[in-house]
N, C-alpha and C. Protein backbone atom coordinates (compact mmCIF):
# COMPACT_ATOMS: atom_id res chain seq x y z
N MET A 1 28.70 25.10 6.60
CA MET A 1 27.99 23.59 6.65
C MET A 1 28.35 22.97 5.26
N ASN A 2 28.24 23.67 4.18
CA ASN A 2 28.50 23.04 2.89
C ASN A 2 29.82 22.63 2.67
N GLU A 3 30.76 23.53 3.34
CA GLU A 3 32.19 23.36 3.15
C GLU A 3 32.68 21.95 3.89
N ASP A 4 31.92 21.67 5.05
CA ASP A 4 32.21 20.49 5.89
C ASP A 4 31.84 19.17 4.90
N TYR A 5 30.66 19.27 4.23
CA TYR A 5 30.30 18.14 3.32
C TYR A 5 31.56 17.85 2.18
N ILE A 6 31.84 19.01 1.72
CA ILE A 6 32.93 18.86 0.71
C ILE A 6 34.25 18.40 1.06
N ILE A 7 34.64 18.86 2.31
CA ILE A 7 35.86 18.33 2.91
C ILE A 7 35.68 16.83 3.23
N ALA A 8 34.66 16.53 3.77
CA ALA A 8 34.29 15.05 4.06
C ALA A 8 34.24 14.10 2.85
N ILE A 9 33.58 14.66 1.85
CA ILE A 9 33.66 13.92 0.61
C ILE A 9 34.88 13.71 -0.05
N VAL A 10 35.88 14.85 0.11
CA VAL A 10 37.23 14.71 -0.56
C VAL A 10 38.06 13.75 0.29
N ALA A 11 37.76 13.85 1.71
CA ALA A 11 38.61 12.94 2.43
C ALA A 11 38.27 11.48 2.24
N VAL A 12 37.00 11.13 1.93
CA VAL A 12 36.46 9.75 1.68
C VAL A 12 37.20 9.34 0.23
N VAL A 13 37.08 10.32 -0.66
CA VAL A 13 37.53 10.02 -1.99
C VAL A 13 39.15 9.58 -1.92
N PHE A 14 39.78 10.43 -1.12
CA PHE A 14 41.33 10.27 -0.97
C PHE A 14 41.54 8.71 -0.23
N VAL A 15 40.76 8.57 0.78
CA VAL A 15 40.86 7.32 1.56
C VAL A 15 40.62 6.01 0.60
N VAL A 16 39.44 6.06 0.03
CA VAL A 16 39.11 5.04 -0.92
C VAL A 16 40.00 4.75 -2.06
N GLY A 17 40.53 6.02 -2.68
CA GLY A 17 41.41 5.89 -3.73
C GLY A 17 42.71 5.39 -3.20
N GLY A 18 43.22 5.70 -2.08
CA GLY A 18 44.47 5.14 -1.37
C GLY A 18 44.50 3.69 -1.38
N LEU A 19 43.47 3.20 -0.84
CA LEU A 19 43.18 1.89 -0.56
C LEU A 19 43.13 0.98 -1.70
N ALA A 20 42.46 1.49 -2.71
CA ALA A 20 42.40 0.86 -4.12
C ALA A 20 43.70 0.87 -4.63
N GLY A 21 44.52 1.84 -4.65
CA GLY A 21 45.90 1.90 -5.23
C GLY A 21 46.82 0.95 -4.46
N TYR A 22 46.60 0.93 -3.11
CA TYR A 22 47.45 -0.03 -2.34
C TYR A 22 47.14 -1.55 -2.78
N ARG A 23 45.92 -1.98 -2.95
CA ARG A 23 45.57 -3.25 -3.23
C ARG A 23 46.09 -3.64 -4.63
N PHE A 24 46.08 -2.91 -5.62
CA PHE A 24 46.51 -3.12 -6.88
C PHE A 24 47.98 -2.98 -7.27
N ARG A 25 48.54 -2.32 -6.25
CA ARG A 25 50.17 -1.98 -6.48
C ARG A 25 50.82 -3.55 -6.41
N PRO A 26 51.67 -3.63 -7.38
CA PRO A 26 52.54 -4.77 -7.53
C PRO A 26 53.44 -4.99 -6.26
N ARG A 27 53.46 -6.21 -5.66
CA ARG A 27 54.30 -6.36 -4.59
C ARG A 27 55.62 -6.73 -4.76
N HIS A 28 56.49 -6.24 -3.76
CA HIS A 28 57.90 -6.70 -4.00
C HIS A 28 58.17 -7.91 -3.37
N LEU A 29 58.70 -8.87 -3.88
CA LEU A 29 58.84 -10.33 -3.37
C LEU A 29 60.16 -10.37 -2.49
N LYS A 30 60.05 -11.11 -1.63
CA LYS A 30 61.28 -11.40 -0.55
C LYS A 30 62.07 -12.40 -1.28
N VAL A 31 63.29 -11.76 -1.87
CA VAL A 31 64.21 -12.48 -2.54
C VAL A 31 64.64 -13.46 -1.69
N GLY A 32 65.12 -13.19 -0.47
CA GLY A 32 65.91 -14.15 0.41
C GLY A 32 65.06 -15.49 0.60
N TYR A 33 63.73 -15.31 0.67
CA TYR A 33 62.89 -16.49 0.86
C TYR A 33 63.02 -17.31 -0.47
N TYR A 34 62.72 -16.83 -1.42
CA TYR A 34 62.58 -17.55 -2.77
C TYR A 34 64.11 -18.25 -3.05
N GLN A 35 65.27 -17.48 -2.60
CA GLN A 35 66.50 -18.05 -2.86
C GLN A 35 66.63 -19.26 -1.95
N LYS A 36 66.28 -19.22 -0.75
CA LYS A 36 66.31 -20.28 0.22
C LYS A 36 65.45 -21.55 -0.41
N LYS A 37 64.28 -21.31 -0.77
CA LYS A 37 63.43 -22.33 -1.22
C LYS A 37 64.07 -22.96 -2.66
N TRP A 38 64.72 -22.12 -3.37
CA TRP A 38 65.34 -22.73 -4.59
C TRP A 38 66.41 -23.44 -4.23
N VAL A 39 67.27 -23.19 -3.30
CA VAL A 39 68.36 -24.05 -2.82
C VAL A 39 67.95 -25.34 -2.29
N GLU A 40 66.99 -25.43 -1.49
CA GLU A 40 66.26 -26.61 -1.09
C GLU A 40 65.89 -27.47 -2.16
N LEU A 41 65.20 -26.85 -3.13
CA LEU A 41 64.76 -27.49 -4.40
C LEU A 41 65.82 -28.12 -5.14
N GLN A 42 67.03 -27.53 -5.31
CA GLN A 42 68.27 -27.90 -6.13
C GLN A 42 68.88 -29.19 -5.38
N LYS A 43 68.56 -29.17 -4.07
CA LYS A 43 69.10 -30.56 -3.34
C LYS A 43 68.41 -31.88 -3.93
N LEU A 44 67.13 -31.56 -4.30
CA LEU A 44 66.34 -32.69 -4.76
C LEU A 44 66.90 -33.23 -6.13
N CYS A 45 67.55 -32.48 -6.72
CA CYS A 45 68.06 -32.72 -8.19
C CYS A 45 69.26 -33.83 -8.06
N SER A 46 69.78 -33.95 -6.96
CA SER A 46 70.98 -34.89 -6.82
C SER A 46 70.67 -36.40 -7.03
N HIS A 47 69.43 -36.75 -6.86
CA HIS A 47 68.84 -38.19 -6.82
C HIS A 47 67.81 -38.18 -7.91
N LYS A 48 67.90 -39.18 -8.74
CA LYS A 48 66.79 -39.39 -9.82
C LYS A 48 65.45 -39.68 -9.26
N GLU A 49 65.37 -40.36 -7.96
CA GLU A 49 64.02 -40.42 -7.42
C GLU A 49 63.34 -39.36 -6.92
N THR A 50 64.04 -38.25 -6.71
CA THR A 50 63.38 -36.89 -6.17
C THR A 50 63.39 -35.86 -7.24
N TRP A 51 63.60 -36.22 -8.62
CA TRP A 51 63.36 -35.19 -9.64
C TRP A 51 61.80 -34.88 -9.74
N PRO A 52 60.95 -35.75 -9.60
CA PRO A 52 59.60 -35.37 -9.70
C PRO A 52 59.21 -34.27 -8.54
N GLU A 53 59.72 -34.51 -7.41
CA GLU A 53 59.34 -33.59 -6.31
C GLU A 53 60.12 -32.23 -6.66
N ALA A 54 61.28 -32.26 -7.19
CA ALA A 54 61.87 -30.92 -7.56
C ALA A 54 61.07 -30.07 -8.51
N ILE A 55 60.46 -30.88 -9.71
CA ILE A 55 59.71 -30.27 -10.60
C ILE A 55 58.45 -29.56 -9.97
N ILE A 56 57.71 -30.48 -9.20
CA ILE A 56 56.52 -30.13 -8.49
C ILE A 56 56.67 -28.76 -7.65
N ASN A 57 57.79 -28.92 -6.83
CA ASN A 57 58.12 -27.76 -5.91
C ASN A 57 58.41 -26.52 -6.67
N ALA A 58 59.22 -26.72 -7.78
CA ALA A 58 59.49 -25.52 -8.45
C ALA A 58 58.21 -24.79 -9.15
N ASP A 59 57.28 -25.65 -9.64
CA ASP A 59 56.07 -25.11 -10.12
C ASP A 59 55.27 -24.50 -8.99
N LYS A 60 55.18 -25.06 -7.97
CA LYS A 60 54.47 -24.37 -6.81
C LYS A 60 55.06 -23.08 -6.40
N LEU A 61 56.48 -23.06 -6.27
CA LEU A 61 57.02 -21.88 -5.93
C LEU A 61 56.87 -20.69 -6.95
N LEU A 62 56.88 -20.94 -8.15
CA LEU A 62 56.57 -20.10 -9.28
C LEU A 62 55.10 -19.57 -9.05
N ASP A 63 54.23 -20.47 -8.85
CA ASP A 63 52.82 -20.16 -8.72
C ASP A 63 52.58 -19.30 -7.43
N GLN A 64 53.38 -19.45 -6.32
CA GLN A 64 53.32 -18.78 -5.16
C GLN A 64 53.87 -17.32 -5.41
N ALA A 65 55.00 -17.20 -6.27
CA ALA A 65 55.41 -15.78 -6.65
C ALA A 65 54.40 -15.03 -7.49
N LEU A 66 53.72 -15.64 -8.31
CA LEU A 66 52.77 -15.16 -9.25
C LEU A 66 51.52 -14.46 -8.38
N ARG A 67 51.15 -15.31 -7.46
CA ARG A 67 49.97 -14.95 -6.72
C ARG A 67 50.40 -13.72 -5.85
N LYS A 68 51.59 -13.70 -5.32
CA LYS A 68 52.19 -12.52 -4.50
C LYS A 68 52.20 -11.31 -5.38
N LYS A 69 52.61 -11.54 -6.52
CA LYS A 69 52.64 -10.45 -7.54
C LYS A 69 51.36 -9.95 -8.08
N LYS A 70 50.33 -10.53 -7.62
CA LYS A 70 49.01 -10.32 -8.00
C LYS A 70 48.60 -10.55 -9.46
N PHE A 71 49.28 -11.60 -10.12
CA PHE A 71 48.76 -11.89 -11.50
C PHE A 71 47.49 -12.57 -11.46
N SER A 72 46.56 -12.21 -12.24
CA SER A 72 45.23 -12.83 -12.17
C SER A 72 45.09 -14.13 -12.79
N GLY A 73 44.13 -14.98 -12.15
CA GLY A 73 43.82 -16.15 -12.61
C GLY A 73 43.52 -17.19 -11.49
N ARG A 74 42.58 -18.12 -11.86
CA ARG A 74 42.25 -18.93 -10.79
C ARG A 74 43.01 -20.09 -10.50
N SER A 75 43.68 -20.55 -11.72
CA SER A 75 44.75 -21.70 -11.72
C SER A 75 46.09 -21.17 -11.83
N PRO A 76 47.01 -21.98 -11.59
CA PRO A 76 48.39 -21.73 -12.03
C PRO A 76 48.60 -21.44 -13.38
N GLY A 77 47.92 -22.35 -14.34
CA GLY A 77 48.05 -22.17 -15.77
C GLY A 77 47.38 -20.71 -16.20
N GLU A 78 46.39 -20.20 -15.66
CA GLU A 78 45.81 -18.95 -15.97
C GLU A 78 46.70 -17.89 -15.39
N ARG A 79 47.43 -17.99 -14.33
CA ARG A 79 48.39 -17.17 -13.82
C ARG A 79 49.56 -17.00 -14.81
N LEU A 80 49.96 -18.06 -15.27
CA LEU A 80 51.07 -18.11 -16.25
C LEU A 80 50.68 -17.33 -17.54
N VAL A 81 49.47 -17.62 -17.94
CA VAL A 81 49.04 -16.83 -19.10
C VAL A 81 49.04 -15.30 -18.90
N SER A 82 48.49 -14.79 -17.76
CA SER A 82 48.55 -13.43 -17.53
C SER A 82 49.90 -12.92 -17.25
N ALA A 83 50.96 -13.76 -16.82
CA ALA A 83 52.13 -13.22 -16.81
C ALA A 83 53.23 -13.48 -17.86
N GLN A 84 52.72 -14.14 -18.88
CA GLN A 84 53.60 -14.47 -19.93
C GLN A 84 54.35 -13.34 -20.53
N ARG A 85 53.84 -12.18 -20.56
CA ARG A 85 54.62 -11.03 -21.06
C ARG A 85 55.85 -10.58 -20.30
N SER A 86 55.85 -11.05 -19.12
CA SER A 86 56.80 -10.74 -18.18
C SER A 86 58.08 -11.73 -18.23
N PHE A 87 57.79 -12.84 -18.92
CA PHE A 87 58.89 -13.88 -18.96
C PHE A 87 59.71 -13.58 -20.29
N SER A 88 61.01 -13.84 -20.09
CA SER A 88 61.86 -13.91 -21.21
C SER A 88 62.11 -15.09 -22.03
N ASP A 89 61.75 -16.31 -21.23
CA ASP A 89 61.70 -17.45 -21.77
C ASP A 89 60.37 -18.27 -21.65
N ASN A 90 59.36 -17.67 -22.30
CA ASN A 90 58.09 -18.35 -22.09
C ASN A 90 57.88 -19.76 -22.54
N ASP A 91 58.59 -20.33 -23.45
CA ASP A 91 58.52 -21.55 -23.76
C ASP A 91 59.05 -22.61 -22.65
N GLY A 92 60.13 -22.10 -22.08
CA GLY A 92 60.76 -22.83 -20.94
C GLY A 92 59.95 -22.93 -19.83
N VAL A 93 59.36 -21.81 -19.58
CA VAL A 93 58.31 -21.97 -18.47
C VAL A 93 57.04 -22.84 -18.55
N TRP A 94 56.69 -22.75 -19.86
CA TRP A 94 55.41 -23.45 -20.15
C TRP A 94 55.88 -25.05 -20.27
N PHE A 95 57.21 -25.45 -20.71
CA PHE A 95 57.61 -26.71 -20.68
C PHE A 95 57.81 -27.34 -19.37
N GLY A 96 58.17 -26.47 -18.30
CA GLY A 96 58.27 -26.77 -16.93
C GLY A 96 56.95 -27.20 -16.38
N HIS A 97 55.93 -26.21 -16.50
CA HIS A 97 54.64 -26.40 -16.14
C HIS A 97 53.94 -27.64 -16.63
N LYS A 98 53.91 -27.71 -18.03
CA LYS A 98 53.42 -28.94 -18.78
C LYS A 98 54.07 -30.39 -18.20
N LEU A 99 55.24 -30.30 -17.89
CA LEU A 99 55.86 -31.48 -17.43
C LEU A 99 55.43 -31.77 -16.12
N ARG A 100 55.08 -30.81 -15.18
CA ARG A 100 54.57 -30.95 -13.82
C ARG A 100 53.17 -31.62 -13.96
N ASP A 101 52.39 -30.93 -15.03
CA ASP A 101 51.06 -31.52 -15.09
C ASP A 101 50.91 -33.04 -15.79
N LYS A 102 51.93 -33.32 -16.49
CA LYS A 102 51.89 -34.76 -16.99
C LYS A 102 52.22 -35.75 -15.86
N MET A 103 53.26 -35.22 -15.06
CA MET A 103 53.61 -36.07 -13.98
C MET A 103 52.50 -36.29 -12.93
N ALA A 104 51.72 -35.27 -12.81
CA ALA A 104 50.41 -35.40 -11.97
C ALA A 104 49.58 -36.40 -12.48
N SER A 105 49.35 -36.41 -13.73
CA SER A 105 48.44 -37.44 -14.54
C SER A 105 49.06 -38.80 -14.74
N HIS A 106 50.34 -38.92 -14.66
CA HIS A 106 51.19 -40.22 -14.78
C HIS A 106 52.15 -40.22 -13.87
N PRO A 107 51.86 -40.59 -12.50
CA PRO A 107 52.57 -40.74 -11.29
C PRO A 107 54.07 -41.49 -11.54
N LYS A 108 53.85 -42.57 -12.30
CA LYS A 108 55.05 -43.54 -12.52
C LYS A 108 55.80 -43.06 -13.74
N MET A 109 55.52 -42.03 -14.34
CA MET A 109 56.35 -41.46 -15.43
C MET A 109 57.90 -41.37 -15.33
N LYS A 110 58.66 -41.84 -16.15
CA LYS A 110 60.00 -41.69 -16.04
C LYS A 110 60.52 -40.35 -16.59
N LEU A 111 61.37 -39.82 -16.01
CA LEU A 111 61.91 -38.49 -16.31
C LEU A 111 63.29 -38.55 -16.98
N ARG A 112 63.51 -37.82 -18.00
CA ARG A 112 64.93 -37.72 -18.60
C ARG A 112 65.61 -36.41 -18.01
N GLU A 113 66.82 -36.75 -17.62
CA GLU A 113 67.67 -35.60 -17.07
C GLU A 113 67.41 -34.42 -17.92
N ARG A 114 67.61 -34.47 -19.31
CA ARG A 114 67.60 -33.27 -20.02
C ARG A 114 66.29 -32.49 -19.88
N ASP A 115 65.15 -33.23 -19.55
CA ASP A 115 63.71 -32.66 -19.44
C ASP A 115 63.73 -31.97 -18.18
N VAL A 116 64.24 -32.59 -17.22
CA VAL A 116 64.30 -31.97 -15.72
C VAL A 116 65.10 -30.62 -15.68
N LYS A 117 66.20 -30.63 -16.53
CA LYS A 117 67.04 -29.55 -16.50
C LYS A 117 66.33 -28.41 -17.33
N THR A 118 65.83 -28.77 -18.32
CA THR A 118 65.06 -27.67 -19.20
C THR A 118 63.89 -27.08 -18.39
N ALA A 119 63.11 -27.94 -17.75
CA ALA A 119 62.11 -27.43 -16.84
C ALA A 119 62.56 -26.42 -15.83
N LEU A 120 63.60 -27.03 -15.04
CA LEU A 120 63.88 -26.20 -13.94
C LEU A 120 64.51 -24.88 -14.39
N VAL A 121 65.37 -25.02 -15.47
CA VAL A 121 65.95 -23.73 -16.01
C VAL A 121 64.86 -22.75 -16.44
N GLY A 122 63.83 -23.13 -17.06
CA GLY A 122 62.75 -22.30 -17.45
C GLY A 122 62.07 -21.69 -16.36
N ILE A 123 61.78 -22.57 -15.26
CA ILE A 123 61.10 -21.92 -14.17
C ILE A 123 61.97 -21.18 -13.24
N ARG A 124 63.30 -21.39 -13.30
CA ARG A 124 64.20 -20.41 -12.62
C ARG A 124 64.28 -18.92 -13.26
N GLN A 125 64.36 -19.08 -14.58
CA GLN A 125 64.33 -17.83 -15.32
C GLN A 125 62.91 -17.11 -14.98
N ALA A 126 61.82 -17.64 -15.05
CA ALA A 126 60.68 -17.03 -14.81
C ALA A 126 60.79 -16.40 -13.39
N LEU A 127 61.13 -16.89 -12.50
CA LEU A 127 61.28 -16.38 -10.98
C LEU A 127 62.22 -15.23 -11.05
N LYS A 128 63.38 -15.25 -11.83
CA LYS A 128 64.24 -14.08 -12.08
C LYS A 128 63.52 -12.91 -12.71
N ASP A 129 62.60 -13.29 -13.92
CA ASP A 129 61.96 -12.33 -14.52
C ASP A 129 60.93 -11.46 -13.60
N ILE A 130 60.35 -12.13 -12.60
CA ILE A 130 59.28 -11.52 -11.89
C ILE A 130 59.96 -11.00 -10.64
N GLY A 131 61.17 -11.03 -10.41
CA GLY A 131 61.88 -10.47 -9.26
C GLY A 131 61.97 -11.35 -7.99
N ALA A 132 61.61 -12.61 -8.01
CA ALA A 132 61.71 -13.49 -7.02
C ALA A 132 63.15 -14.00 -6.71
N LEU A 133 63.83 -14.14 -7.81
CA LEU A 133 65.29 -14.57 -7.56
C LEU A 133 66.26 -13.43 -8.16
N PRO A 134 67.33 -13.21 -7.70
CA PRO A 134 68.12 -12.12 -8.31
C PRO A 134 68.70 -12.60 -9.58
N ASP A 135 68.86 -11.70 -10.45
CA ASP A 135 69.35 -11.93 -11.82
C ASP A 135 70.98 -11.64 -11.83
N GLU A 136 71.56 -12.73 -11.59
CA GLU A 136 73.11 -12.65 -11.35
C GLU A 136 73.69 -12.45 -12.78
N LYS A 137 74.19 -11.28 -12.90
CA LYS A 137 75.09 -11.20 -14.27
C LYS A 137 76.50 -10.96 -13.84
N PRO A 138 77.37 -11.71 -14.59
CA PRO A 138 78.71 -11.67 -14.30
C PRO A 138 79.33 -10.21 -14.45
N GLU A 139 80.32 -10.00 -13.57
CA GLU A 139 80.82 -8.65 -13.55
C GLU A 139 81.87 -8.66 -14.66
N ASN A 140 82.19 -7.59 -15.21
CA ASN A 140 83.27 -7.34 -16.16
C ASN A 140 84.43 -7.04 -15.49
N LYS A 141 85.43 -7.77 -15.57
CA LYS A 141 86.87 -7.41 -15.00
C LYS A 141 87.86 -7.26 -15.98
């Protein structure tokens, strides 16, 4: 009878421990999904009028990936803070996020091409750093 209790307790510990490990395990992102969204986003860069939409969508896409990877935080900015050690271009990511925030508070804000490129390059690198986009490295031939 005593052995049955011990076996039951051990089983419960393994089940609870397994569930806890599953919940906190970093998730692998579906690269194809993020590549498709990034290509759609790049099409918005061809017209000056859609640059704001491109920046907003890029920031949303990064936040979505951060949530999937289970970075902590209640807001996109808090998730960026918790993920910043994962980023190879932390300044670029923050530039993109802050530009998106400025656009939200100033909807008629005029964007410069250089700023749009800098923001998108920073966000794209962050997506690569966390595994949402492939890190294309040129092959040596």
